[in-house]
Amino acid sequence: MAPRNVESIADLELSILSRSIRKGRVPADTLSENDYIRALEMEPGWNEKEEILRAMVEVYPSAFSFNNLGVVFANKANRTSNTKDKNQLLENALFAFNRSNAIFENSFAVYNLGIVFWLWEDRFSAYNSFYRAYTLTEFDEIKKVHQAALGAVSIFNGDYRLAVIHLNDAEKSPVNLFNQGLANVLSGDYYNATIQFENSAIQNMSNGFPFYGLAIIAARNGEETKLYENLKKAISRNEFLKDRAAADFEFAAYHDKEGFKEVLR
């Protein structure tokens, strides 16, 4: 059957045809490539997206379609607690991203390979993929996304000064600013860490983690009053941080102090 023209298919008809293809009732080539892209945008469920993309790559195998199929597998893996199922989904994602790059190497699929390695906790392979993606893109805004990923991985790899360098060139979002502050703390630069944590807090006052970072700096500097002030702000915004603070070695010298106990009550 010849592919249909995208302009001839209304949303309702497209939804019906897409469902019929997913159920194997009509041939996959019933829809044009643009129809598949529209159907994909209309479908919110990951399982349904997978079925649409599996059909799409049969008739329109492109770097785009394989990359998007890999994205679906990676997202499903990130939402799966069963280790065996998660690993299978990540294998599927790896295969799809490699197929995308086999058609032509592109920054999107290479970056997404980094996500797969990240979810596998293979931080060094993740870094290599993120860096390769960075070199492949010409767009400054996308480069900032890659720099943020490189900075986050560098923190986990224990290369804190490299993390700071990458995060300096990342978008100044609350998460990236927090990561930059964390990298500065871990590299011993408390002055710049304080600035980044404060900037992160200003952008998102409901997030407790920047205040927790400020509490750590205060603890390391022996500033007990600032420690309690910032830890109280952190806990009031995120109850999880109360249990974390109670066991955190950063506050070991204060665990028996009345002021610390009062904050945790």
C-alpha atoms as a PDB file:
ATOM      1  CA  MET A   1       0.000   0.000   0.000  1.00  0.00           C
ATOM      2  CA  ALA A   2       1.379   3.440  -0.907  1.00  0.00           C
ATOM      3  CA  PRO A   3       2.041   5.831   1.978  1.00  0.00           C
ATOM      4  CA  ARG A   4      -0.716   8.341   2.631  1.00  0.00           C
ATOM      5  CA  ASN A   5      -0.184  12.096   2.228  1.00  0.00           C
ATOM      6  CA  VAL A   6       0.143  13.800   5.600  1.00  0.00           C
ATOM      7  CA  GLU A   7      -2.317  16.574   4.652  1.00  0.00           C
ATOM      8  CA  SER A   8      -5.041  14.045   3.812  1.00  0.00           C
ATOM      9  CA  ILE A   9      -5.153  12.529   7.311  1.00  0.00           C
ATOM     10  CA  ALA A  10      -6.986  14.267  10.133  1.00  0.00           C
ATOM     11  CA  ASP A  11      -5.872  13.668  13.718  1.00  0.00           C
ATOM     12  CA  LEU A  12      -8.719  11.252  14.464  1.00  0.00           C
ATOM     13  CA  GLU A  13      -8.055   9.170  11.352  1.00  0.00           C
ATOM     14  CA  LEU A  14      -4.332   9.217  12.083  1.00  0.00           C
ATOM     15  CA  SER A  15      -4.971   7.998  15.628  1.00  0.00           C
ATOM     16  CA  ILE A  16      -7.130   5.132  14.323  1.00  0.00           C
ATOM     17  CA  LEU A  17      -4.602   4.129  11.666  1.00  0.00           C
ATOM     18  CA  SER A  18      -1.729   4.340  14.146  1.00  0.00           C
ATOM     19  CA  ARG A  19      -3.564   2.068  16.566  1.00  0.00           C
ATOM     20  CA  SER A  20      -4.360  -0.374  13.764  1.00  0.00           C
ATOM     21  CA  ILE A  21      -0.691  -0.509  12.765  1.00  0.00           C
ATOM     22  CA  ARG A  22       0.332  -1.081  16.386  1.00  0.00           C
ATOM     23  CA  LYS A  23      -2.115  -3.966  16.596  1.00  0.00           C
ATOM     24  CA  GLY A  24      -0.886  -5.454  13.304  1.00  0.00           C
ATOM     25  CA  ARG A  25      -4.214  -4.934  11.532  1.00  0.00           C
ATOM     26  CA  VAL A  26      -2.894  -2.798   8.666  1.00  0.00           C
ATOM     27  CA  PRO A  27       0.554  -2.659   6.955  1.00  0.00           C
ATOM     28  CA  ALA A  28       3.227  -0.455   8.482  1.00  0.00           C
ATOM     29  CA  ASP A  29       3.658   1.437   5.185  1.00  0.00           C
ATOM     30  CA  THR A  30       0.072   2.738   5.355  1.00  0.00           C
ATOM     31  CA  LEU A  31       1.435   5.937   6.903  1.00  0.00           C
ATOM     32  CA  SER A  32       4.037   8.321   5.545  1.00  0.00           C
ATOM     33  CA  GLU A  33       7.136   9.208   7.527  1.00  0.00           C
ATOM     34  CA  ASN A  34       5.558  12.531   8.505  1.00  0.00           C
ATOM     35  CA  ASP A  35       2.417  10.697   9.609  1.00  0.00           C
ATOM     36  CA  TYR A  36       4.530   8.605  11.962  1.00  0.00           C
ATOM     37  CA  ILE A  37       6.146  11.711  13.417  1.00  0.00           C
ATOM     38  CA  ARG A  38       2.703  13.233  14.042  1.00  0.00           C
ATOM     39  CA  ALA A  39       1.387   9.995  15.535  1.00  0.00           C
ATOM     40  CA  LEU A  40       4.396   9.826  17.830  1.00  0.00           C
ATOM     41  CA  GLU A  41       3.782  13.364  19.082  1.00  0.00           C
ATOM     42  CA  MET A  42       0.116  12.554  19.753  1.00  0.00           C
ATOM     43  CA  GLU A  43       0.810   9.423  21.802  1.00  0.00           C
ATOM     44  CA  PRO A  44       1.772  10.021  25.483  1.00  0.00           C
ATOM     45  CA  GLY A  45       2.459   6.410  26.555  1.00  0.00           C
ATOM     46  CA  TRP A  46       5.949   4.906  26.330  1.00  0.00           C
ATOM     47  CA  ASN A  47       4.654   1.459  25.328  1.00  0.00           C
ATOM     48  CA  GLU A  48       2.582   2.958  22.540  1.00  0.00           C
ATOM     49  CA  LYS A  49       5.516   5.094  21.381  1.00  0.00           C
ATOM     50  CA  GLU A  50       7.643   1.958  21.234  1.00  0.00           C
ATOM     51  CA  GLU A  51       5.088   0.166  19.066  1.00  0.00           C
ATOM     52  CA  ILE A  52       4.822   3.148  16.707  1.00  0.00           C
ATOM     53  CA  LEU A  53       8.594   3.446  16.370  1.00  0.00           C
ATOM     54  CA  ARG A  54       9.100  -0.289  15.877  1.00  0.00           C
ATOM     55  CA  ALA A  55       6.726  -0.050  12.925  1.00  0.00           C
ATOM     56  CA  MET A  56       8.345   3.150  11.697  1.00  0.00           C
ATOM     57  CA  VAL A  57      11.891   1.742  11.555  1.00  0.00           C
ATOM     58  CA  GLU A  58      10.633  -1.145   9.432  1.00  0.00           C
ATOM     59  CA  VAL A  59       9.538   1.154   6.603  1.00  0.00           C
ATOM     60  CA  TYR A  60      11.505   4.363   7.320  1.00  0.00           C
ATOM     61  CA  PRO A  61      14.812   3.306   8.907  1.00  0.00           C
ATOM     62  CA  SER A  62      16.539   6.608   9.587  1.00  0.00           C
ATOM     63  CA  ALA A  63      18.940   8.091  12.115  1.00  0.00           C
ATOM     64  CA  PHE A  64      15.949   9.989  13.508  1.00  0.00           C
ATOM     65  CA  SER A  65      13.650   6.992  13.924  1.00  0.00           C
ATOM     66  CA  PHE A  66      16.291   4.728  15.484  1.00  0.00           C
ATOM     67  CA  ASN A  67      17.416   7.486  17.855  1.00  0.00           C
ATOM     68  CA  ASN A  68      13.852   8.056  19.021  1.00  0.00           C
ATOM     69  CA  LEU A  69      13.296   4.323  19.493  1.00  0.00           C
ATOM     70  CA  GLY A  70      16.418   4.255  21.651  1.00  0.00           C
ATOM     71  CA  VAL A  71      15.104   7.201  23.692  1.00  0.00           C
ATOM     72  CA  VAL A  72      11.934   5.227  24.415  1.00  0.00           C
ATOM     73  CA  PHE A  73      13.921   2.185  25.581  1.00  0.00           C
ATOM     74  CA  ALA A  74      16.179   4.359  27.760  1.00  0.00           C
ATOM     75  CA  ASN A  75      13.215   6.100  29.391  1.00  0.00           C
ATOM     76  CA  LYS A  76      11.494   2.794  30.066  1.00  0.00           C
ATOM     77  CA  ALA A  77      14.730   1.437  31.559  1.00  0.00           C
ATOM     78  CA  ASN A  78      14.991   4.436  33.870  1.00  0.00           C
ATOM     79  CA  ARG A  79      11.494   3.669  35.129  1.00  0.00           C
ATOM     80  CA  THR A  80      12.113  -0.052  35.670  1.00  0.00           C
ATOM     81  CA  SER A  81      13.204  -1.449  39.039  1.00  0.00           C
ATOM     82  CA  ASN A  82      13.712  -5.049  37.892  1.00  0.00           C
ATOM     83  CA  THR A  83      17.416  -5.402  37.082  1.00  0.00           C
ATOM     84  CA  LYS A  84      16.982  -7.996  34.349  1.00  0.00           C
ATOM     85  CA  ASP A  85      14.276  -6.000  32.574  1.00  0.00           C
ATOM     86  CA  LYS A  86      16.256  -2.785  32.962  1.00  0.00           C
ATOM     87  CA  ASN A  87      19.382  -4.300  31.420  1.00  0.00           C
ATOM     88  CA  GLN A  88      17.389  -5.707  28.501  1.00  0.00           C
ATOM     89  CA  LEU A  89      15.859  -2.307  27.816  1.00  0.00           C
ATOM     90  CA  LEU A  90      19.284  -0.685  27.978  1.00  0.00           C
ATOM     91  CA  GLU A  91      20.611  -3.302  25.538  1.00  0.00           C
ATOM     92  CA  ASN A  92      17.735  -2.421  23.216  1.00  0.00           C
ATOM     93  CA  ALA A  93      18.534   1.284  23.577  1.00  0.00           C
ATOM     94  CA  LEU A  94      22.226   0.650  22.883  1.00  0.00           C
ATOM     95  CA  PHE A  95      21.330  -1.266  19.710  1.00  0.00           C
ATOM     96  CA  ALA A  96      18.973   1.477  18.507  1.00  0.00           C
ATOM     97  CA  PHE A  97      21.465   4.302  19.107  1.00  0.00           C
ATOM     98  CA  ASN A  98      24.208   2.340  17.351  1.00  0.00           C
ATOM     99  CA  ARG A  99      21.872   1.793  14.383  1.00  0.00           C
ATOM    100  CA  SER A 100      21.204   5.537  14.315  1.00  0.00           C
ATOM    101  CA  ASN A 101      24.916   6.304  14.293  1.00  0.00           C
ATOM    102  CA  ALA A 102      25.528   3.635  11.643  1.00  0.00           C
ATOM    103  CA  ILE A 103      23.323   5.604   9.250  1.00  0.00           C
ATOM    104  CA  PHE A 104      25.314   8.733  10.107  1.00  0.00           C
ATOM    105  CA  GLU A 105      27.042   9.699  13.320  1.00  0.00           C
ATOM    106  CA  ASN A 106      24.931  12.348  15.020  1.00  0.00           C
ATOM    107  CA  SER A 107      25.264  14.214  18.303  1.00  0.00           C
ATOM    108  CA  PHE A 108      21.819  13.171  19.524  1.00  0.00           C
ATOM    109  CA  ALA A 109      22.390   9.416  19.327  1.00  0.00           C
ATOM    110  CA  VAL A 110      25.957   9.742  20.641  1.00  0.00           C
ATOM    111  CA  TYR A 111      24.732  11.803  23.594  1.00  0.00           C
ATOM    112  CA  ASN A 112      22.014   9.254  24.273  1.00  0.00           C
ATOM    113  CA  LEU A 113      24.630   6.495  24.291  1.00  0.00           C
ATOM    114  CA  GLY A 114      26.127   8.436  27.178  1.00  0.00           C
ATOM    115  CA  ILE A 115      22.780   8.237  28.967  1.00  0.00           C
ATOM    116  CA  VAL A 116      22.762   4.448  28.525  1.00  0.00           C
ATOM    117  CA  PHE A 117      26.273   4.162  29.966  1.00  0.00           C
ATOM    118  CA  TRP A 118      25.262   6.498  32.800  1.00  0.00           C
ATOM    119  CA  LEU A 119      22.306   4.281  33.687  1.00  0.00           C
ATOM    120  CA  TRP A 120      24.677   1.304  33.584  1.00  0.00           C
ATOM    121  CA  GLU A 121      26.931   3.261  35.976  1.00  0.00           C
ATOM    122  CA  ASP A 122      29.772   3.128  33.445  1.00  0.00           C
ATOM    123  CA  ARG A 123      30.799   6.733  34.111  1.00  0.00           C
ATOM    124  CA  PHE A 124      33.958   6.755  31.997  1.00  0.00           C
ATOM    125  CA  SER A 125      32.163   5.488  28.880  1.00  0.00           C
ATOM    126  CA  ALA A 126      29.402   8.007  29.594  1.00  0.00           C
ATOM    127  CA  TYR A 127      31.978  10.808  29.701  1.00  0.00           C
ATOM    128  CA  ASN A 128      33.509   9.702  26.404  1.00  0.00           C
ATOM    129  CA  SER A 129      30.104   9.640  24.708  1.00  0.00           C
ATOM    130  CA  PHE A 130      29.069  13.032  26.083  1.00  0.00           C
ATOM    131  CA  TYR A 131      32.382  14.519  24.970  1.00  0.00           C
ATOM    132  CA  ARG A 132      32.042  13.028  21.480  1.00  0.00           C
ATOM    133  CA  ALA A 133      28.516  14.464  21.260  1.00  0.00           C
ATOM    134  CA  TYR A 134      29.895  17.849  22.299  1.00  0.00           C
ATOM    135  CA  THR A 135      32.421  17.782  19.458  1.00  0.00           C
ATOM    136  CA  LEU A 136      29.744  16.814  16.927  1.00  0.00           C
ATOM    137  CA  THR A 137      27.334  19.689  17.573  1.00  0.00           C
ATOM    138  CA  GLU A 138      27.640  23.230  16.253  1.00  0.00           C
ATOM    139  CA  PHE A 139      24.843  24.753  18.335  1.00  0.00           C
ATOM    140  CA  ASP A 140      25.836  26.677  21.458  1.00  0.00           C
ATOM    141  CA  GLU A 141      22.663  25.853  23.396  1.00  0.00           C
ATOM    142  CA  ILE A 142      23.133  22.116  22.836  1.00  0.00           C
ATOM    143  CA  LYS A 143      26.801  22.425  23.736  1.00  0.00           C
ATOM    144  CA  LYS A 144      25.692  23.785  27.113  1.00  0.00           C
ATOM    145  CA  VAL A 145      23.605  20.644  27.666  1.00  0.00           C
ATOM    146  CA  HIS A 146      26.629  18.509  26.866  1.00  0.00           C
ATOM    147  CA  GLN A 147      28.844  20.539  29.196  1.00  0.00           C
ATOM    148  CA  ALA A 148      26.329  20.001  32.017  1.00  0.00           C
ATOM    149  CA  ALA A 149      26.414  16.244  31.434  1.00  0.00           C
ATOM    150  CA  LEU A 150      30.210  16.223  31.272  1.00  0.00           C
ATOM    151  CA  GLY A 151      30.357  18.159  34.522  1.00  0.00           C
ATOM    152  CA  ALA A 152      27.981  15.805  36.325  1.00  0.00           C
ATOM    153  CA  VAL A 153      29.883  12.716  35.166  1.00  0.00           C
ATOM    154  CA  SER A 154      33.212  14.306  36.134  1.00  0.00           C
ATOM    155  CA  ILE A 155      31.937  14.722  39.696  1.00  0.00           C
ATOM    156  CA  PHE A 156      31.141  11.008  39.891  1.00  0.00           C
ATOM    157  CA  ASN A 157      34.517  10.219  38.326  1.00  0.00           C
ATOM    158  CA  GLY A 158      36.234  12.205  41.071  1.00  0.00           C
ATOM    159  CA  ASP A 159      37.704  14.817  38.723  1.00  0.00           C
ATOM    160  CA  TYR A 160      36.259  17.860  40.481  1.00  0.00           C
ATOM    161  CA  ARG A 161      38.360  20.553  38.830  1.00  0.00           C
ATOM    162  CA  LEU A 162      37.419  19.214  35.406  1.00  0.00           C
ATOM    163  CA  ALA A 163      33.786  19.234  36.522  1.00  0.00           C
ATOM    164  CA  VAL A 164      34.066  22.921  37.415  1.00  0.00           C
ATOM    165  CA  ILE A 165      35.515  23.702  33.980  1.00  0.00           C
ATOM    166  CA  HIS A 166      32.638  21.950  32.197  1.00  0.00           C
ATOM    167  CA  LEU A 167      29.937  23.425  34.442  1.00  0.00           C
ATOM    168  CA  ASN A 168      31.295  26.938  33.964  1.00  0.00           C
ATOM    169  CA  ASP A 169      30.165  26.612  30.330  1.00  0.00           C
ATOM    170  CA  ALA A 170      26.823  24.929  31.085  1.00  0.00           C
ATOM    171  CA  GLU A 171      23.448  26.640  31.298  1.00  0.00           C
ATOM    172  CA  LYS A 172      23.035  28.438  34.628  1.00  0.00           C
ATOM    173  CA  SER A 173      20.074  26.356  35.763  1.00  0.00           C
ATOM    174  CA  PRO A 174      19.407  25.512  39.446  1.00  0.00           C
ATOM    175  CA  VAL A 175      20.649  21.935  38.974  1.00  0.00           C
ATOM    176  CA  ASN A 176      23.796  22.930  37.106  1.00  0.00           C
ATOM    177  CA  LEU A 177      24.578  25.667  39.619  1.00  0.00           C
ATOM    178  CA  PHE A 178      24.181  23.176  42.453  1.00  0.00           C
ATOM    179  CA  ASN A 179      26.480  20.695  40.698  1.00  0.00           C
ATOM    180  CA  GLN A 180      28.988  23.480  40.139  1.00  0.00           C
ATOM    181  CA  GLY A 181      28.829  24.338  43.834  1.00  0.00           C
ATOM    182  CA  LEU A 182      29.283  20.678  44.734  1.00  0.00           C
ATOM    183  CA  ALA A 183      32.311  20.375  42.450  1.00  0.00           C
ATOM    184  CA  ASN A 184      33.800  23.481  44.054  1.00  0.00           C
ATOM    185  CA  VAL A 185      33.240  22.082  47.552  1.00  0.00           C
ATOM    186  CA  LEU A 186      34.872  18.802  46.639  1.00  0.00           C
ATOM    187  CA  SER A 187      37.846  20.631  45.116  1.00  0.00           C
ATOM    188  CA  GLY A 188      38.189  22.807  48.232  1.00  0.00           C
ATOM    189  CA  ASP A 189      37.028  26.104  46.701  1.00  0.00           C
ATOM    190  CA  TYR A 190      34.477  27.130  49.335  1.00  0.00           C
ATOM    191  CA  TYR A 191      34.241  30.747  48.165  1.00  0.00           C
ATOM    192  CA  ASN A 192      32.960  29.880  44.684  1.00  0.00           C
ATOM    193  CA  ALA A 193      30.939  26.970  46.057  1.00  0.00           C
ATOM    194  CA  THR A 194      29.054  29.409  48.294  1.00  0.00           C
ATOM    195  CA  ILE A 195      28.296  31.679  45.325  1.00  0.00           C
ATOM    196  CA  GLN A 196      26.968  28.808  43.200  1.00  0.00           C
ATOM    197  CA  PHE A 197      24.831  27.315  45.995  1.00  0.00           C
ATOM    198  CA  GLU A 198      23.349  30.738  46.711  1.00  0.00           C
ATOM    199  CA  ASN A 199      22.609  31.336  43.023  1.00  0.00           C
ATOM    200  CA  SER A 200      20.991  27.898  42.795  1.00  0.00           C
ATOM    201  CA  ALA A 201      18.834  28.671  45.832  1.00  0.00           C
ATOM    202  CA  ILE A 202      17.792  32.044  44.410  1.00  0.00           C
ATOM    203  CA  GLN A 203      16.576  30.387  41.216  1.00  0.00           C
ATOM    204  CA  ASN A 204      14.622  27.704  43.092  1.00  0.00           C
ATOM    205  CA  MET A 205      13.899  28.621  46.703  1.00  0.00           C
ATOM    206  CA  SER A 206      11.860  25.426  47.234  1.00  0.00           C
ATOM    207  CA  ASN A 207      14.914  23.186  46.740  1.00  0.00           C
ATOM    208  CA  GLY A 208      16.642  22.175  49.956  1.00  0.00           C
ATOM    209  CA  PHE A 209      19.874  20.858  48.438  1.00  0.00           C
ATOM    210  CA  PRO A 210      21.630  24.228  47.895  1.00  0.00           C
ATOM    211  CA  PHE A 211      21.051  25.069  51.570  1.00  0.00           C
ATOM    212  CA  TYR A 212      22.384  21.643  52.498  1.00  0.00           C
ATOM    213  CA  GLY A 213      25.505  22.463  50.500  1.00  0.00           C
ATOM    214  CA  LEU A 214      25.844  25.760  52.351  1.00  0.00           C
ATOM    215  CA  ALA A 215      25.500  23.866  55.631  1.00  0.00           C
ATOM    216  CA  ILE A 216      28.372  21.587  54.629  1.00  0.00           C
ATOM    217  CA  ILE A 217      30.575  24.595  53.874  1.00  0.00           C
ATOM    218  CA  ALA A 218      29.696  26.108  57.249  1.00  0.00           C
ATOM    219  CA  ALA A 219      30.512  22.824  58.980  1.00  0.00           C
ATOM    220  CA  ARG A 220      33.897  22.608  57.260  1.00  0.00           C
ATOM    221  CA  ASN A 221      34.651  26.218  58.188  1.00  0.00           C
ATOM    222  CA  GLY A 222      33.558  25.737  61.815  1.00  0.00           C
ATOM    223  CA  GLU A 223      30.730  28.283  61.443  1.00  0.00           C
ATOM    224  CA  GLU A 224      28.239  26.639  63.757  1.00  0.00           C
ATOM    225  CA  THR A 225      25.502  29.274  63.576  1.00  0.00           C
ATOM    226  CA  LYS A 226      25.504  29.296  59.763  1.00  0.00           C
ATOM    227  CA  LEU A 227      25.481  25.512  59.790  1.00  0.00           C
ATOM    228  CA  TYR A 228      22.288  25.370  61.837  1.00  0.00           C
ATOM    229  CA  GLU A 229      20.623  28.174  59.864  1.00  0.00           C
ATOM    230  CA  ASN A 230      21.218  26.566  56.491  1.00  0.00           C
ATOM    231  CA  LEU A 231      20.524  23.025  57.644  1.00  0.00           C
ATOM    232  CA  LYS A 232      17.187  24.155  59.059  1.00  0.00           C
ATOM    233  CA  LYS A 233      16.305  25.752  55.709  1.00  0.00           C
ATOM    234  CA  ALA A 234      17.336  22.577  53.883  1.00  0.00           C
ATOM    235  CA  ILE A 235      15.246  20.280  56.063  1.00  0.00           C
ATOM    236  CA  SER A 236      12.194  22.553  55.948  1.00  0.00           C
ATOM    237  CA  ARG A 237      12.240  22.198  52.165  1.00  0.00           C
ATOM    238  CA  ASN A 238      13.122  18.508  51.956  1.00  0.00           C
ATOM    239  CA  GLU A 239      12.323  16.131  54.826  1.00  0.00           C
ATOM    240  CA  PHE A 240      14.651  13.511  53.316  1.00  0.00           C
ATOM    241  CA  LEU A 241      17.618  15.697  54.241  1.00  0.00           C
ATOM    242  CA  LYS A 242      16.879  15.297  57.955  1.00  0.00           C
ATOM    243  CA  ASP A 243      17.807  11.597  57.894  1.00  0.00           C
ATOM    244  CA  ARG A 244      20.732  12.320  55.619  1.00  0.00           C
ATOM    245  CA  ALA A 245      22.115  14.977  57.948  1.00  0.00           C
ATOM    246  CA  ALA A 246      21.794  12.672  60.953  1.00  0.00           C
ATOM    247  CA  ALA A 247      24.152  10.162  59.313  1.00  0.00           C
ATOM    248  CA  ASP A 248      26.310  12.519  57.255  1.00  0.00           C
ATOM    249  CA  PHE A 249      29.999  12.385  58.143  1.00  0.00           C
ATOM    250  CA  GLU A 250      30.265  16.063  57.156  1.00  0.00           C
ATOM    251  CA  PHE A 251      28.415  16.891  60.382  1.00  0.00           C
ATOM    252  CA  ALA A 252      30.052  14.255  62.583  1.00  0.00           C
ATOM    253  CA  ALA A 253      31.660  16.879  64.815  1.00  0.00           C
ATOM    254  CA  TYR A 254      28.244  18.402  65.522  1.00  0.00           C
ATOM    255  CA  HIS A 255      26.056  15.306  65.971  1.00  0.00           C
ATOM    256  CA  ASP A 256      26.227  15.483  69.771  1.00  0.00           C
ATOM    257  CA  LYS A 257      25.726  19.244  70.036  1.00  0.00           C
ATOM    258  CA  GLU A 258      22.388  20.487  71.304  1.00  0.00           C
ATOM    259  CA  GLY A 259      22.009  22.989  68.483  1.00  0.00           C
ATOM    260  CA  PHE A 260      22.370  20.258  65.883  1.00  0.00           C
ATOM    261  CA  LYS A 261      19.915  18.009  67.690  1.00  0.00           C
ATOM    262  CA  GLU A 262      17.434  20.879  67.882  1.00  0.00           C
ATOM    263  CA  VAL A 263      17.531  21.363  64.109  1.00  0.00           C
ATOM    264  CA  LEU A 264      16.754  17.685  63.565  1.00  0.00           C
ATOM    265  CA  ARG A 265      13.806  17.572  65.970  1.00  0.00           C
END
